[in-house]
Amino acid sequence: MTDLPGELGSEDAKLVTLARATRSRTRASEGAAVRDLDGRTYAGASVGLERLRLTALEVCVAMAISSGSTGLEAAVVLTDGAVDLDAASEFAGPGVPVLIGDATGSIHTRTSTHTT
């Protein structure tokens, strides 16, 4: 994962704000936000129940799918751990830009979904 981002565009900055606010509000270990092909945004936090574990990005993908979305345009994940892109890759295919940052919303990595 290379190619560190420069200044974010307004739409990507909005995703960072949504992911950060969701993570903070829920006190979760991760926050994520995605923009679908229709421009709709979805934000989610990681889920850590005994019988249900989802990353924040998996929550966002599930929300998009359940809302009738047909793909993703971009994603942001704010975490202190590793990022699993499998669900986003399976849903949206390869090449969707993913920005990865820390809890403060500081982006340190730009990558993209991959082929599954």
Protein backbone atom coordinates (compact mmCIF):
# COMPACT_ATOMS: atom_id res chain seq x y z
CA MET A 1 0.00 0.00 0.00
CA THR A 2 1.79 3.06 -1.25
CA ASP A 3 1.13 6.34 -3.00
CA LEU A 4 0.36 8.57 -0.03
CA PRO A 5 -2.41 11.04 -0.78
CA GLY A 6 -1.99 14.75 -1.06
CA GLU A 7 -4.86 17.08 -0.31
CA LEU A 8 -8.24 15.37 -0.37
CA GLY A 9 -11.08 16.45 -2.62
CA SER A 10 -14.29 17.60 -0.95
CA GLU A 11 -16.13 14.30 -1.54
CA ASP A 12 -13.30 12.24 -0.02
CA ALA A 13 -12.99 14.69 2.87
CA LYS A 14 -16.70 14.14 3.53
CA LEU A 15 -16.08 10.38 3.77
CA VAL A 16 -13.26 11.01 6.27
CA THR A 17 -15.56 13.20 8.36
CA LEU A 18 -18.33 10.60 8.33
CA ALA A 19 -15.96 7.75 9.26
CA ARG A 20 -14.36 9.78 12.04
CA ALA A 21 -17.68 10.89 13.53
CA THR A 22 -19.09 7.36 13.43
CA ARG A 23 -16.01 5.86 15.07
CA SER A 24 -16.01 8.54 17.76
CA ARG A 25 -19.74 8.36 18.45
CA THR A 26 -19.76 4.58 18.83
CA ARG A 27 -16.34 4.34 20.51
CA ALA A 28 -15.53 1.53 18.09
CA SER A 29 -12.08 0.39 17.06
CA GLU A 30 -12.79 1.30 13.43
CA GLY A 31 -14.89 3.74 11.47
CA ALA A 32 -15.49 3.63 7.73
CA ALA A 33 -17.51 5.39 5.07
CA VAL A 34 -18.17 4.57 1.44
CA ARG A 35 -19.69 6.38 -1.54
CA ASP A 36 -21.68 4.26 -3.96
CA LEU A 37 -22.01 4.68 -7.71
CA ASP A 38 -25.10 6.87 -7.23
CA GLY A 39 -23.24 9.24 -4.88
CA ARG A 40 -24.97 7.98 -1.72
CA THR A 41 -22.79 7.66 1.38
CA TYR A 42 -22.85 5.05 4.11
CA ALA A 43 -20.90 5.20 7.37
CA GLY A 44 -20.39 2.41 9.86
CA ALA A 45 -18.36 1.26 12.82
CA SER A 46 -16.80 -2.09 13.59
CA VAL A 47 -18.98 -4.59 15.44
CA GLY A 48 -17.41 -6.75 18.12
CA LEU A 49 -20.09 -8.94 19.63
CA GLU A 50 -19.41 -12.46 20.85
CA ARG A 51 -21.32 -13.97 17.93
CA LEU A 52 -20.95 -11.22 15.33
CA ARG A 53 -17.69 -9.61 14.24
CA LEU A 54 -17.65 -7.17 11.33
CA THR A 55 -15.11 -4.62 10.26
CA ALA A 56 -16.37 -1.10 9.73
CA LEU A 57 -15.86 -1.52 5.97
CA GLU A 58 -17.91 -4.74 6.00
CA VAL A 59 -20.73 -2.86 7.76
CA CYS A 60 -20.64 -0.14 5.07
CA VAL A 61 -20.65 -2.69 2.26
CA ALA A 62 -23.62 -4.48 3.83
CA MET A 63 -25.49 -1.18 4.20
CA ALA A 64 -24.84 -0.28 0.56
CA ILE A 65 -25.95 -3.69 -0.70
CA SER A 66 -29.09 -3.69 1.45
CA SER A 67 -29.96 -0.24 0.08
CA GLY A 68 -29.82 -1.47 -3.52
CA SER A 69 -26.41 -0.13 -4.45
CA THR A 70 -24.67 -1.77 -7.39
CA GLY A 71 -21.09 -0.74 -6.61
CA LEU A 72 -18.70 1.60 -4.83
CA GLU A 73 -16.90 4.69 -6.01
CA ALA A 74 -14.63 5.22 -2.98
CA ALA A 75 -14.04 4.17 0.63
CA VAL A 76 -12.32 5.46 3.76
CA VAL A 77 -11.28 3.33 6.74
CA LEU A 78 -10.01 4.82 10.00
CA THR A 79 -8.30 2.22 12.16
CA ASP A 80 -5.19 1.45 14.15
CA GLY A 81 -5.09 -2.09 12.78
CA ALA A 82 -4.93 -3.94 9.50
CA VAL A 83 -7.56 -3.31 6.83
CA ASP A 84 -9.39 -6.18 5.16
CA LEU A 85 -10.65 -5.17 1.70
CA ASP A 86 -12.17 -8.54 0.78
CA ALA A 87 -15.86 -7.61 1.18
CA ALA A 88 -15.44 -4.33 -0.70
CA SER A 89 -13.47 -6.09 -3.42
CA GLU A 90 -16.06 -8.83 -3.81
CA PHE A 91 -18.89 -6.32 -4.05
CA ALA A 92 -17.28 -3.55 -6.09
CA GLY A 93 -14.50 -5.32 -7.96
CA PRO A 94 -10.91 -4.15 -8.33
CA GLY A 95 -9.69 -0.59 -8.55
CA VAL A 96 -12.00 1.24 -6.12
CA PRO A 97 -9.90 3.85 -4.25
CA VAL A 98 -9.57 3.23 -0.50
CA LEU A 99 -8.06 5.80 1.86
CA ILE A 100 -6.74 4.47 5.17
CA GLY A 101 -6.09 6.64 8.20
CA ASP A 102 -5.97 6.82 11.95
CA ALA A 103 -8.59 7.74 14.54
CA THR A 104 -7.97 11.46 14.05
CA GLY A 105 -8.82 11.21 10.36
CA SER A 106 -5.24 11.68 9.23
CA ILE A 107 -4.88 9.70 6.00
CA HIS A 108 -1.60 7.81 5.66
CA THR A 109 -2.28 5.31 2.85
CA ARG A 110 -4.04 5.26 -0.49
CA THR A 111 -4.77 1.84 -1.96
CA SER A 112 -7.56 0.19 -3.93
CA THR A 113 -9.72 -2.89 -3.89
CA HIS A 114 -8.27 -5.97 -5.53
CA THR A 115 -9.45 -8.95 -7.50
CA THR A 116 -10.90 -11.67 -5.34
